[in-house]
Amino acid sequence: MEQNLATMIDSLELQYGEMERGVYLDNPAVRLNGLALLPETMLLDGGIEAWIAAEGAAYCGLVFRAQTAQNFELAYAQPHTSKSWDALQYDPVFNGSNTWQMYHGPGFQHAAEVPTGEWLRLRIYFQDGRALVSLGNQPPLRIDHLAHAPVSGRLGLWSYLPAWFSEVRILPEARLPEQPAAPLVLSPALVREWHLDGYGAVACEPEGFLNLNRFLASREEPAVLRCRFLAERHQDLRLSFGFSDHLELFLDGLLVFEHNNNWHNKPAWHDRGYVARNMYSVSTEIERGVHELTARLAVNEPFGWGLVMAAEGKALQPLRWL
């Protein structure tokens, strides 16, 4: 597809935030802090690339398969965490919320060198449920399990904090190399489905965590989640879990845990507010019979709202909510 690169930049439609056109490092460019989409073009599979540059801390990204300004696939580079584990980040947006606190680790984040004050080529190829995110000639971030369903959508640019974009290209013929997805090895103790009060049954992601932003927009009142399991005899029970942002956990109506897990502007992994199993645990004894877990989960920041939970015992049978 032959493209006029200047026209591509000029045709961008700002969805929210701020955008101005200018020249940076001798290239015609746009300075963006927000979301801007290209008009008309819809792609199911293909690619998008742009040259990006930042003068300081920024999250400079590319958008694909956008259904609305509140729901789209997103990946970006972070110059302020250059060389760290999250310098390249996959961050799907659901109901207006970025969800990187849940989509983290191998397959969602990748180390890369992201210097400031120079142009870098960021490229994303996407096909079916997979994507490949490349920054220059560095090893790419391989995403085997995109969070949104593979449907045709718009393309565009996104940044949190100002960044420069130039030479945007749509790559409709781009295809990913054939490569089997990495297998997901999950514990049978994981809770795979919850009952969400006022909504109904909600399934966890293939990786085992529940992404509440998939079902709800952020709100002031907590989400109330329930699940039941059967203990075949008196035994020890260990609950291991992670969550974001504030959790009150009840077992058979009794409060057994309450805590916040929020993002902090610190470099350590455990200060980022990630949702990860084995971050917290509760151990207790339970009698033979049916037991109920209730999780009251509140959201207070737009980085991911959800939890992962495993119930471990020698004679447990998970039950669907009835």
C-alpha atoms as a PDB file:
ATOM      1  CA  MET A   1       0.000   0.000   0.000  1.00  0.00           C
ATOM      2  CA  GLU A   2       1.590   3.255  -1.101  1.00  0.00           C
ATOM      3  CA  GLN A   3       1.273   5.923   1.554  1.00  0.00           C
ATOM      4  CA  ASN A   4       1.927   9.619   1.925  1.00  0.00           C
ATOM      5  CA  LEU A   5       3.527   9.733   5.368  1.00  0.00           C
ATOM      6  CA  ALA A   6       2.799  13.427   5.884  1.00  0.00           C
ATOM      7  CA  THR A   7      -0.871  12.775   5.114  1.00  0.00           C
ATOM      8  CA  MET A   8      -0.931   9.970   7.677  1.00  0.00           C
ATOM      9  CA  ILE A   9       0.250  12.338  10.402  1.00  0.00           C
ATOM     10  CA  ASP A  10      -2.145  15.103   9.305  1.00  0.00           C
ATOM     11  CA  SER A  11      -5.151  12.778   9.272  1.00  0.00           C
ATOM     12  CA  LEU A  12      -4.855  11.661  12.895  1.00  0.00           C
ATOM     13  CA  GLU A  13      -8.054  12.212  14.878  1.00  0.00           C
ATOM     14  CA  LEU A  14      -7.525  13.109  18.526  1.00  0.00           C
ATOM     15  CA  GLN A  15      -9.830  11.087  20.796  1.00  0.00           C
ATOM     16  CA  TYR A  16      -8.695  12.592  24.087  1.00  0.00           C
ATOM     17  CA  GLY A  17      -5.677  14.421  25.489  1.00  0.00           C
ATOM     18  CA  GLU A  18      -3.500  16.906  23.635  1.00  0.00           C
ATOM     19  CA  MET A  19      -1.834  16.808  20.217  1.00  0.00           C
ATOM     20  CA  GLU A  20       0.212  19.364  18.310  1.00  0.00           C
ATOM     21  CA  ARG A  21       2.043  19.171  15.006  1.00  0.00           C
ATOM     22  CA  GLY A  22       5.596  20.374  14.620  1.00  0.00           C
ATOM     23  CA  VAL A  23       9.165  19.328  13.880  1.00  0.00           C
ATOM     24  CA  TYR A  24      11.353  17.302  16.220  1.00  0.00           C
ATOM     25  CA  LEU A  25      14.919  16.239  15.484  1.00  0.00           C
ATOM     26  CA  ASP A  26      14.475  17.429  11.862  1.00  0.00           C
ATOM     27  CA  ASN A  27      11.367  15.266  11.252  1.00  0.00           C
ATOM     28  CA  PRO A  28       7.781  16.459  10.739  1.00  0.00           C
ATOM     29  CA  ALA A  29       5.994  14.964  13.741  1.00  0.00           C
ATOM     30  CA  VAL A  30       3.151  15.151  16.219  1.00  0.00           C
ATOM     31  CA  ARG A  31       3.608  15.626  19.941  1.00  0.00           C
ATOM     32  CA  LEU A  32       0.938  13.556  21.662  1.00  0.00           C
ATOM     33  CA  ASN A  33      -0.251  13.055  25.205  1.00  0.00           C
ATOM     34  CA  GLY A  34      -3.412  10.969  24.788  1.00  0.00           C
ATOM     35  CA  LEU A  35      -5.028   8.847  22.073  1.00  0.00           C
ATOM     36  CA  ALA A  36      -5.164   9.645  18.345  1.00  0.00           C
ATOM     37  CA  LEU A  37      -6.643   7.254  15.755  1.00  0.00           C
ATOM     38  CA  LEU A  38      -6.225   7.041  11.999  1.00  0.00           C
ATOM     39  CA  PRO A  39      -9.516   7.509  10.111  1.00  0.00           C
ATOM     40  CA  GLU A  40     -11.375   4.790   8.209  1.00  0.00           C
ATOM     41  CA  THR A  41      -8.668   2.112   8.077  1.00  0.00           C
ATOM     42  CA  MET A  42      -9.768  -1.094   9.827  1.00  0.00           C
ATOM     43  CA  LEU A  43      -7.493  -4.111  10.169  1.00  0.00           C
ATOM     44  CA  LEU A  44      -8.066  -7.573  11.549  1.00  0.00           C
ATOM     45  CA  ASP A  45      -4.509  -8.764  10.879  1.00  0.00           C
ATOM     46  CA  GLY A  46      -1.479  -6.788   9.733  1.00  0.00           C
ATOM     47  CA  GLY A  47       0.818  -4.253  11.293  1.00  0.00           C
ATOM     48  CA  ILE A  48       1.501  -0.662  12.249  1.00  0.00           C
ATOM     49  CA  GLU A  49       4.785   1.135  12.797  1.00  0.00           C
ATOM     50  CA  ALA A  50       5.963   4.617  13.685  1.00  0.00           C
ATOM     51  CA  TRP A  51       9.114   6.394  14.713  1.00  0.00           C
ATOM     52  CA  ILE A  52       8.901   7.490  18.349  1.00  0.00           C
ATOM     53  CA  ALA A  53      10.976   9.856  20.459  1.00  0.00           C
ATOM     54  CA  ALA A  54      10.704  11.116  24.007  1.00  0.00           C
ATOM     55  CA  GLU A  55      12.459  13.893  25.885  1.00  0.00           C
ATOM     56  CA  GLY A  56      11.909  12.258  29.278  1.00  0.00           C
ATOM     57  CA  ALA A  57       9.561   9.864  31.018  1.00  0.00           C
ATOM     58  CA  ALA A  58       6.785   8.722  28.669  1.00  0.00           C
ATOM     59  CA  TYR A  59       4.800   5.707  27.529  1.00  0.00           C
ATOM     60  CA  CYS A  60       4.990   5.928  23.715  1.00  0.00           C
ATOM     61  CA  GLY A  61       2.705   3.405  22.079  1.00  0.00           C
ATOM     62  CA  LEU A  62       0.814   2.037  19.110  1.00  0.00           C
ATOM     63  CA  VAL A  63      -2.858   1.067  19.067  1.00  0.00           C
ATOM     64  CA  PHE A  64      -4.498  -1.686  17.020  1.00  0.00           C
ATOM     65  CA  ARG A  65      -7.932  -3.313  16.768  1.00  0.00           C
ATOM     66  CA  ALA A  66      -9.545  -0.319  18.476  1.00  0.00           C
ATOM     67  CA  GLN A  67     -13.299  -0.768  18.833  1.00  0.00           C
ATOM     68  CA  THR A  68     -13.824   2.520  20.673  1.00  0.00           C
ATOM     69  CA  ALA A  69     -11.662   5.083  22.433  1.00  0.00           C
ATOM     70  CA  GLN A  70     -12.220   3.002  25.577  1.00  0.00           C
ATOM     71  CA  ASN A  71     -11.424  -0.497  24.249  1.00  0.00           C
ATOM     72  CA  PHE A  72      -8.310  -1.364  22.224  1.00  0.00           C
ATOM     73  CA  GLU A  73      -5.060  -3.296  22.063  1.00  0.00           C
ATOM     74  CA  LEU A  74      -1.981  -1.295  23.066  1.00  0.00           C
ATOM     75  CA  ALA A  75       1.760  -1.768  23.414  1.00  0.00           C
ATOM     76  CA  TYR A  76       4.360   0.877  24.189  1.00  0.00           C
ATOM     77  CA  ALA A  77       7.981   1.635  25.023  1.00  0.00           C
ATOM     78  CA  GLN A  78       9.067   3.254  28.293  1.00  0.00           C
ATOM     79  CA  PRO A  79      12.279   5.318  28.114  1.00  0.00           C
ATOM     80  CA  HIS A  80      12.242   5.941  31.876  1.00  0.00           C
ATOM     81  CA  THR A  81      12.546   2.164  32.515  1.00  0.00           C
ATOM     82  CA  SER A  82      15.065   1.563  29.723  1.00  0.00           C
ATOM     83  CA  LYS A  83      16.831  -1.824  30.036  1.00  0.00           C
ATOM     84  CA  SER A  84      14.398  -2.912  32.758  1.00  0.00           C
ATOM     85  CA  TRP A  85      11.946  -5.845  32.537  1.00  0.00           C
ATOM     86  CA  ASP A  86       9.044  -3.596  31.489  1.00  0.00           C
ATOM     87  CA  ALA A  87      10.694  -1.309  28.916  1.00  0.00           C
ATOM     88  CA  LEU A  88       8.314  -2.858  26.353  1.00  0.00           C
ATOM     89  CA  GLN A  89       4.802  -3.352  27.736  1.00  0.00           C
ATOM     90  CA  TYR A  90       1.600  -4.906  26.390  1.00  0.00           C
ATOM     91  CA  ASP A  91      -1.311  -3.051  28.015  1.00  0.00           C
ATOM     92  CA  PRO A  92      -4.808  -3.849  26.689  1.00  0.00           C
ATOM     93  CA  VAL A  93      -7.399  -1.188  27.497  1.00  0.00           C
ATOM     94  CA  PHE A  94     -10.837  -2.281  28.734  1.00  0.00           C
ATOM     95  CA  ASN A  95     -13.650   0.142  29.509  1.00  0.00           C
ATOM     96  CA  GLY A  96     -11.172   3.012  29.614  1.00  0.00           C
ATOM     97  CA  SER A  97      -8.736   1.336  32.033  1.00  0.00           C
ATOM     98  CA  ASN A  98      -5.176   0.305  31.285  1.00  0.00           C
ATOM     99  CA  THR A  99      -4.656  -3.189  32.700  1.00  0.00           C
ATOM    100  CA  TRP A 100      -0.881  -3.674  32.854  1.00  0.00           C
ATOM    101  CA  GLN A 101      -1.011  -4.643  36.547  1.00  0.00           C
ATOM    102  CA  MET A 102      -2.567  -7.940  35.419  1.00  0.00           C
ATOM    103  CA  TYR A 103      -0.846  -8.463  32.053  1.00  0.00           C
ATOM    104  CA  HIS A 104       2.758  -8.669  33.209  1.00  0.00           C
ATOM    105  CA  GLY A 105       5.676 -11.051  33.076  1.00  0.00           C
ATOM    106  CA  PRO A 106       6.829 -13.190  30.116  1.00  0.00           C
ATOM    107  CA  GLY A 107       4.559 -12.734  27.120  1.00  0.00           C
ATOM    108  CA  PHE A 108       3.429  -9.284  28.230  1.00  0.00           C
ATOM    109  CA  GLN A 109       6.651  -7.421  29.125  1.00  0.00           C
ATOM    110  CA  HIS A 110      10.158  -7.360  27.692  1.00  0.00           C
ATOM    111  CA  ALA A 111      13.471  -5.674  28.422  1.00  0.00           C
ATOM    112  CA  ALA A 112      14.767  -3.214  25.816  1.00  0.00           C
ATOM    113  CA  GLU A 113      17.003  -0.200  25.544  1.00  0.00           C
ATOM    114  CA  VAL A 114      14.863   2.928  25.058  1.00  0.00           C
ATOM    115  CA  PRO A 115      17.097   6.017  24.943  1.00  0.00           C
ATOM    116  CA  THR A 116      15.642   9.513  25.096  1.00  0.00           C
ATOM    117  CA  GLY A 117      16.299  12.287  22.624  1.00  0.00           C
ATOM    118  CA  GLU A 118      16.489  10.139  19.489  1.00  0.00           C
ATOM    119  CA  TRP A 119      14.157   8.507  16.984  1.00  0.00           C
ATOM    120  CA  LEU A 120      13.342   4.812  17.457  1.00  0.00           C
ATOM    121  CA  ARG A 121      11.202   2.623  15.215  1.00  0.00           C
ATOM    122  CA  LEU A 122       8.357   0.897  17.068  1.00  0.00           C
ATOM    123  CA  ARG A 123       6.490  -1.793  15.113  1.00  0.00           C
ATOM    124  CA  ILE A 124       3.656  -4.182  15.930  1.00  0.00           C
ATOM    125  CA  TYR A 125       2.593  -7.162  13.832  1.00  0.00           C
ATOM    126  CA  PHE A 126      -0.684  -8.784  14.905  1.00  0.00           C
ATOM    127  CA  GLN A 127      -2.484 -11.866  13.665  1.00  0.00           C
ATOM    128  CA  ASP A 128      -5.272 -13.951  15.194  1.00  0.00           C
ATOM    129  CA  GLY A 129      -4.581 -13.977  18.965  1.00  0.00           C
ATOM    130  CA  ARG A 130      -0.861 -13.162  18.683  1.00  0.00           C
ATOM    131  CA  ALA A 131       1.362 -10.119  18.261  1.00  0.00           C
ATOM    132  CA  LEU A 132       5.035  -9.208  17.946  1.00  0.00           C
ATOM    133  CA  VAL A 133       6.299  -5.856  19.274  1.00  0.00           C
ATOM    134  CA  SER A 134       9.685  -4.682  17.999  1.00  0.00           C
ATOM    135  CA  LEU A 135      11.792  -1.680  18.920  1.00  0.00           C
ATOM    136  CA  GLY A 136      14.519  -1.124  16.360  1.00  0.00           C
ATOM    137  CA  ASN A 137      16.598  -4.254  15.828  1.00  0.00           C
ATOM    138  CA  GLN A 138      16.320  -5.496  19.407  1.00  0.00           C
ATOM    139  CA  PRO A 139      14.747  -8.855  20.299  1.00  0.00           C
ATOM    140  CA  PRO A 140      10.960  -8.419  20.165  1.00  0.00           C
ATOM    141  CA  LEU A 141       8.242  -8.894  22.731  1.00  0.00           C
ATOM    142  CA  ARG A 142       6.239 -11.953  21.700  1.00  0.00           C
ATOM    143  CA  ILE A 143       2.595 -11.983  22.821  1.00  0.00           C
ATOM    144  CA  ASP A 144       0.948 -15.389  22.431  1.00  0.00           C
ATOM    145  CA  HIS A 145      -2.370 -14.516  24.069  1.00  0.00           C
ATOM    146  CA  LEU A 146      -3.851 -11.127  23.185  1.00  0.00           C
ATOM    147  CA  ALA A 147      -6.562 -10.140  25.648  1.00  0.00           C
ATOM    148  CA  HIS A 148      -9.188  -8.793  23.240  1.00  0.00           C
ATOM    149  CA  ALA A 149     -11.009 -11.001  20.749  1.00  0.00           C
ATOM    150  CA  PRO A 150      -9.439 -10.894  17.254  1.00  0.00           C
ATOM    151  CA  VAL A 151     -11.809  -8.505  15.490  1.00  0.00           C
ATOM    152  CA  SER A 152     -11.162  -5.792  12.928  1.00  0.00           C
ATOM    153  CA  GLY A 153     -10.483  -2.371  14.412  1.00  0.00           C
ATOM    154  CA  ARG A 154      -8.843   1.012  13.989  1.00  0.00           C
ATOM    155  CA  LEU A 155      -5.156   1.870  14.310  1.00  0.00           C
ATOM    156  CA  GLY A 156      -3.495   4.760  16.030  1.00  0.00           C
ATOM    157  CA  LEU A 157      -1.045   6.294  18.469  1.00  0.00           C
ATOM    158  CA  TRP A 158      -1.146   6.563  22.249  1.00  0.00           C
ATOM    159  CA  SER A 159       1.053   8.119  24.885  1.00  0.00           C
ATOM    160  CA  TYR A 160       0.838   8.880  28.546  1.00  0.00           C
ATOM    161  CA  LEU A 161       3.066  11.923  29.067  1.00  0.00           C
ATOM    162  CA  PRO A 162       4.159  13.782  25.920  1.00  0.00           C
ATOM    163  CA  ALA A 163       6.058  11.928  23.201  1.00  0.00           C
ATOM    164  CA  TRP A 164       6.828  12.571  19.533  1.00  0.00           C
ATOM    165  CA  PHE A 165       5.627  10.378  16.634  1.00  0.00           C
ATOM    166  CA  SER A 166       6.710  10.494  13.002  1.00  0.00           C
ATOM    167  CA  GLU A 167       6.434   8.425   9.786  1.00  0.00           C
ATOM    168  CA  VAL A 168       3.397   6.368  10.732  1.00  0.00           C
ATOM    169  CA  ARG A 169       2.853   3.396   8.424  1.00  0.00           C
ATOM    170  CA  ILE A 170       0.039   0.879   8.094  1.00  0.00           C
ATOM    171  CA  LEU A 171       1.273  -2.590   7.123  1.00  0.00           C
ATOM    172  CA  PRO A 172      -1.824  -4.518   5.944  1.00  0.00           C
ATOM    173  CA  GLU A 173       0.171  -7.378   4.403  1.00  0.00           C
ATOM    174  CA  ALA A 174       2.328  -8.053   7.457  1.00  0.00           C
ATOM    175  CA  ARG A 175       2.101 -11.577   8.828  1.00  0.00           C
ATOM    176  CA  LEU A 176       3.640 -13.309  11.819  1.00  0.00           C
ATOM    177  CA  PRO A 177       5.948 -16.298  11.383  1.00  0.00           C
ATOM    178  CA  GLU A 178       4.336 -19.623  12.161  1.00  0.00           C
ATOM    179  CA  GLN A 179       5.239 -20.510  15.707  1.00  0.00           C
ATOM    180  CA  PRO A 180       3.265 -22.512  18.269  1.00  0.00           C
ATOM    181  CA  ALA A 181       2.094 -20.586  21.306  1.00  0.00           C
ATOM    182  CA  ALA A 182       3.920 -21.251  24.538  1.00  0.00           C
ATOM    183  CA  PRO A 183       1.840 -23.694  26.618  1.00  0.00           C
ATOM    184  CA  LEU A 184       0.030 -22.411  29.690  1.00  0.00           C
ATOM    185  CA  VAL A 185       0.754 -24.575  32.726  1.00  0.00           C
ATOM    186  CA  LEU A 186      -1.765 -23.733  35.435  1.00  0.00           C
ATOM    187  CA  SER A 187      -2.384 -25.136  38.880  1.00  0.00           C
ATOM    188  CA  PRO A 188      -5.627 -27.131  39.254  1.00  0.00           C
ATOM    189  CA  ALA A 189      -6.127 -25.241  42.526  1.00  0.00           C
ATOM    190  CA  LEU A 190      -6.836 -21.976  40.685  1.00  0.00           C
ATOM    191  CA  VAL A 191     -10.344 -20.578  40.852  1.00  0.00           C
ATOM    192  CA  ARG A 192     -11.376 -20.359  37.183  1.00  0.00           C
ATOM    193  CA  GLU A 193     -14.847 -18.816  37.550  1.00  0.00           C
ATOM    194  CA  TRP A 194     -16.573 -16.449  39.963  1.00  0.00           C
ATOM    195  CA  HIS A 195     -20.103 -15.176  40.481  1.00  0.00           C
ATOM    196  CA  LEU A 196     -20.152 -11.371  40.249  1.00  0.00           C
ATOM    197  CA  ASP A 197     -23.091  -9.885  42.153  1.00  0.00           C
ATOM    198  CA  GLY A 198     -25.399  -8.006  39.804  1.00  0.00           C
ATOM    199  CA  TYR A 199     -23.779  -9.508  36.726  1.00  0.00           C
ATOM    200  CA  GLY A 200     -23.552 -13.310  36.865  1.00  0.00           C
ATOM    201  CA  ALA A 201     -20.793 -15.803  36.098  1.00  0.00           C
ATOM    202  CA  VAL A 202     -17.443 -14.312  35.038  1.00  0.00           C
ATOM    203  CA  ALA A 203     -14.601 -16.449  33.696  1.00  0.00           C
ATOM    204  CA  CYS A 204     -10.924 -15.928  34.424  1.00  0.00           C
ATOM    205  CA  GLU A 205      -8.377 -15.236  31.687  1.00  0.00           C
ATOM    206  CA  PRO A 206      -6.455 -18.167  30.133  1.00  0.00           C
ATOM    207  CA  GLU A 207      -3.555 -17.240  32.429  1.00  0.00           C
ATOM    208  CA  GLY A 208      -5.784 -17.767  35.485  1.00  0.00           C
ATOM    209  CA  PHE A 209      -6.527 -14.236  36.706  1.00  0.00           C
ATOM    210  CA  LEU A 210      -9.857 -12.425  36.638  1.00  0.00           C
ATOM    211  CA  ASN A 211      -9.866  -9.142  34.682  1.00  0.00           C
ATOM    212  CA  LEU A 212     -12.822  -7.231  36.133  1.00  0.00           C
ATOM    213  CA  ASN A 213     -12.279  -4.361  33.693  1.00  0.00           C
ATOM    214  CA  ARG A 214     -13.449  -6.742  30.968  1.00  0.00           C
ATOM    215  CA  PHE A 215     -16.926  -6.793  32.533  1.00  0.00           C
ATOM    216  CA  LEU A 216     -17.231  -3.486  34.405  1.00  0.00           C
ATOM    217  CA  ALA A 217     -16.146   0.104  34.126  1.00  0.00           C
ATOM    218  CA  SER A 218     -14.383   1.442  37.206  1.00  0.00           C
ATOM    219  CA  ARG A 219     -16.818   2.512  39.895  1.00  0.00           C
ATOM    220  CA  GLU A 220     -16.909   3.708  43.499  1.00  0.00           C
ATOM    221  CA  GLU A 221     -18.575   0.663  45.075  1.00  0.00           C
ATOM    222  CA  PRO A 222     -16.605  -2.605  45.374  1.00  0.00           C
ATOM    223  CA  ALA A 223     -17.311  -5.598  43.155  1.00  0.00           C
ATOM    224  CA  VAL A 224     -18.537  -8.598  45.141  1.00  0.00           C
ATOM    225  CA  LEU A 225     -17.262 -11.964  43.886  1.00  0.00           C
ATOM    226  CA  ARG A 226     -18.270 -15.371  45.218  1.00  0.00           C
ATOM    227  CA  CYS A 227     -17.254 -18.976  44.677  1.00  0.00           C
ATOM    228  CA  ARG A 228     -18.008 -22.248  46.488  1.00  0.00           C
ATOM    229  CA  PHE A 229     -15.994 -25.394  47.008  1.00  0.00           C
ATOM    230  CA  LEU A 230     -16.537 -28.747  48.698  1.00  0.00           C
ATOM    231  CA  ALA A 231     -14.220 -30.121  51.387  1.00  0.00           C
ATOM    232  CA  GLU A 232     -14.559 -33.887  51.535  1.00  0.00           C
ATOM    233  CA  ARG A 233     -13.218 -33.994  55.093  1.00  0.00           C
ATOM    234  CA  HIS A 234     -11.822 -31.847  57.901  1.00  0.00           C
ATOM    235  CA  GLN A 235      -8.517 -30.461  56.602  1.00  0.00           C
ATOM    236  CA  ASP A 236      -6.099 -27.578  56.272  1.00  0.00           C
ATOM    237  CA  LEU A 237      -6.853 -24.935  53.639  1.00  0.00           C
ATOM    238  CA  ARG A 238      -4.372 -22.534  52.094  1.00  0.00           C
ATOM    239  CA  LEU A 239      -5.574 -19.603  50.012  1.00  0.00           C
ATOM    240  CA  SER A 240      -2.861 -17.985  47.895  1.00  0.00           C
ATOM    241  CA  PHE A 241      -3.755 -14.905  45.883  1.00  0.00           C
ATOM    242  CA  GLY A 242      -2.943 -11.536  44.385  1.00  0.00           C
ATOM    243  CA  PHE A 243      -5.199  -8.591  43.612  1.00  0.00           C
ATOM    244  CA  SER A 244      -5.610  -4.952  42.702  1.00  0.00           C
ATOM    245  CA  ASP A 245      -6.539  -2.603  44.283  1.00  0.00           C
ATOM    246  CA  HIS A 246      -8.220  -3.165  47.719  1.00  0.00           C
ATOM    247  CA  LEU A 247      -9.399  -6.590  48.849  1.00  0.00           C
ATOM    248  CA  GLU A 248     -11.611  -7.761  51.675  1.00  0.00           C
ATOM    249  CA  LEU A 249     -11.688 -11.571  51.694  1.00  0.00           C
ATOM    250  CA  PHE A 250     -14.306 -13.561  53.599  1.00  0.00           C
ATOM    251  CA  LEU A 251     -14.458 -17.313  54.239  1.00  0.00           C
ATOM    252  CA  ASP A 252     -17.952 -18.483  55.201  1.00  0.00           C
ATOM    253  CA  GLY A 253     -18.842 -14.916  56.110  1.00  0.00           C
ATOM    254  CA  LEU A 254     -15.820 -14.247  58.340  1.00  0.00           C
ATOM    255  CA  LEU A 255     -13.248 -11.636  57.321  1.00  0.00           C
ATOM    256  CA  VAL A 256      -9.874 -13.387  56.935  1.00  0.00           C
ATOM    257  CA  PHE A 257      -7.868 -10.769  55.005  1.00  0.00           C
ATOM    258  CA  GLU A 258      -7.923  -7.060  54.118  1.00  0.00           C
ATOM    259  CA  HIS A 259      -5.212  -5.069  52.358  1.00  0.00           C
ATOM    260  CA  ASN A 260      -4.319  -2.533  49.632  1.00  0.00           C
ATOM    261  CA  ASN A 261      -2.079  -3.335  46.668  1.00  0.00           C
ATOM    262  CA  ASN A 262      -1.433  -0.145  44.727  1.00  0.00           C
ATOM    263  CA  TRP A 263       1.162   1.279  42.371  1.00  0.00           C
ATOM    264  CA  HIS A 264       3.998   3.212  43.990  1.00  0.00           C
ATOM    265  CA  ASN A 265       6.497   5.336  42.125  1.00  0.00           C
ATOM    266  CA  LYS A 266       9.415   3.105  43.075  1.00  0.00           C
ATOM    267  CA  PRO A 267      11.653   0.862  40.929  1.00  0.00           C
ATOM    268  CA  ALA A 268      11.057  -2.443  42.759  1.00  0.00           C
ATOM    269  CA  TRP A 269       8.779  -5.057  41.172  1.00  0.00           C
ATOM    270  CA  HIS A 270       6.671  -5.492  44.304  1.00  0.00           C
ATOM    271  CA  ASP A 271       5.875  -1.756  44.403  1.00  0.00           C
ATOM    272  CA  ARG A 272       4.087  -1.778  41.024  1.00  0.00           C
ATOM    273  CA  GLY A 273       0.753  -3.194  42.273  1.00  0.00           C
ATOM    274  CA  TYR A 274       0.936  -6.291  40.061  1.00  0.00           C
ATOM    275  CA  VAL A 275      -1.709  -9.003  40.370  1.00  0.00           C
ATOM    276  CA  ALA A 276       0.281 -12.182  40.987  1.00  0.00           C
ATOM    277  CA  ARG A 277      -0.457 -15.406  42.796  1.00  0.00           C
ATOM    278  CA  ASN A 278       1.467 -16.118  46.004  1.00  0.00           C
ATOM    279  CA  MET A 279       1.820 -12.435  46.863  1.00  0.00           C
ATOM    280  CA  TYR A 280      -0.480 -13.036  49.835  1.00  0.00           C
ATOM    281  CA  SER A 281      -1.792 -16.116  51.614  1.00  0.00           C
ATOM    282  CA  VAL A 282      -4.197 -17.216  54.349  1.00  0.00           C
ATOM    283  CA  SER A 283      -4.079 -20.627  56.051  1.00  0.00           C
ATOM    284  CA  THR A 284      -6.811 -22.096  58.219  1.00  0.00           C
ATOM    285  CA  GLU A 285      -8.672 -25.309  59.071  1.00  0.00           C
ATOM    286  CA  ILE A 286     -12.048 -26.121  57.566  1.00  0.00           C
ATOM    287  CA  GLU A 287     -14.690 -28.742  58.293  1.00  0.00           C
ATOM    288  CA  ARG A 288     -16.176 -31.215  55.848  1.00  0.00           C
ATOM    289  CA  GLY A 289     -18.863 -29.622  53.652  1.00  0.00           C
ATOM    290  CA  VAL A 290     -19.503 -26.736  51.286  1.00  0.00           C
ATOM    291  CA  HIS A 291     -17.644 -23.472  51.909  1.00  0.00           C
ATOM    292  CA  GLU A 292     -17.998 -20.027  50.345  1.00  0.00           C
ATOM    293  CA  LEU A 293     -15.323 -17.492  49.463  1.00  0.00           C
ATOM    294  CA  THR A 294     -16.430 -13.884  49.078  1.00  0.00           C
ATOM    295  CA  ALA A 295     -14.088 -11.224  47.702  1.00  0.00           C
ATOM    296  CA  ARG A 296     -15.025  -7.541  47.946  1.00  0.00           C
ATOM    297  CA  LEU A 297     -12.686  -5.866  45.487  1.00  0.00           C
ATOM    298  CA  ALA A 298     -12.472  -2.079  45.175  1.00  0.00           C
ATOM    299  CA  VAL A 299     -10.692  -0.120  42.451  1.00  0.00           C
ATOM    300  CA  ASN A 300      -8.902   3.162  43.151  1.00  0.00           C
ATOM    301  CA  GLU A 301      -6.468   3.521  40.223  1.00  0.00           C
ATOM    302  CA  PRO A 302      -6.817   2.906  36.464  1.00  0.00           C
ATOM    303  CA  PHE A 303      -4.104   0.255  36.036  1.00  0.00           C
ATOM    304  CA  GLY A 304      -6.030  -2.990  36.349  1.00  0.00           C
ATOM    305  CA  TRP A 305      -8.835  -4.282  38.538  1.00  0.00           C
ATOM    306  CA  GLY A 306      -8.855  -7.973  39.320  1.00  0.00           C
ATOM    307  CA  LEU A 307      -7.501 -10.916  41.253  1.00  0.00           C
ATOM    308  CA  VAL A 308      -6.057 -14.406  41.044  1.00  0.00           C
ATOM    309  CA  MET A 309      -6.927 -17.014  43.668  1.00  0.00           C
ATOM    310  CA  ALA A 310      -5.932 -20.600  44.424  1.00  0.00           C
ATOM    311  CA  ALA A 311      -7.574 -22.784  47.075  1.00  0.00           C
ATOM    312  CA  GLU A 312      -5.223 -25.590  48.063  1.00  0.00           C
ATOM    313  CA  GLY A 313      -6.153 -28.629  50.157  1.00  0.00           C
ATOM    314  CA  LYS A 314      -5.883 -32.410  50.006  1.00  0.00           C
ATOM    315  CA  ALA A 315      -9.583 -33.110  49.395  1.00  0.00           C
ATOM    316  CA  LEU A 316     -11.206 -30.097  47.727  1.00  0.00           C
ATOM    317  CA  GLN A 317     -13.699 -30.017  44.881  1.00  0.00           C
ATOM    318  CA  PRO A 318     -14.514 -26.673  43.255  1.00  0.00           C
ATOM    319  CA  LEU A 319     -18.199 -25.951  42.770  1.00  0.00           C
ATOM    320  CA  ARG A 320     -19.825 -23.567  40.336  1.00  0.00           C
ATOM    321  CA  TRP A 321     -21.962 -20.904  41.902  1.00  0.00           C
ATOM    322  CA  LEU A 322     -25.636 -21.939  41.871  1.00  0.00           C
END
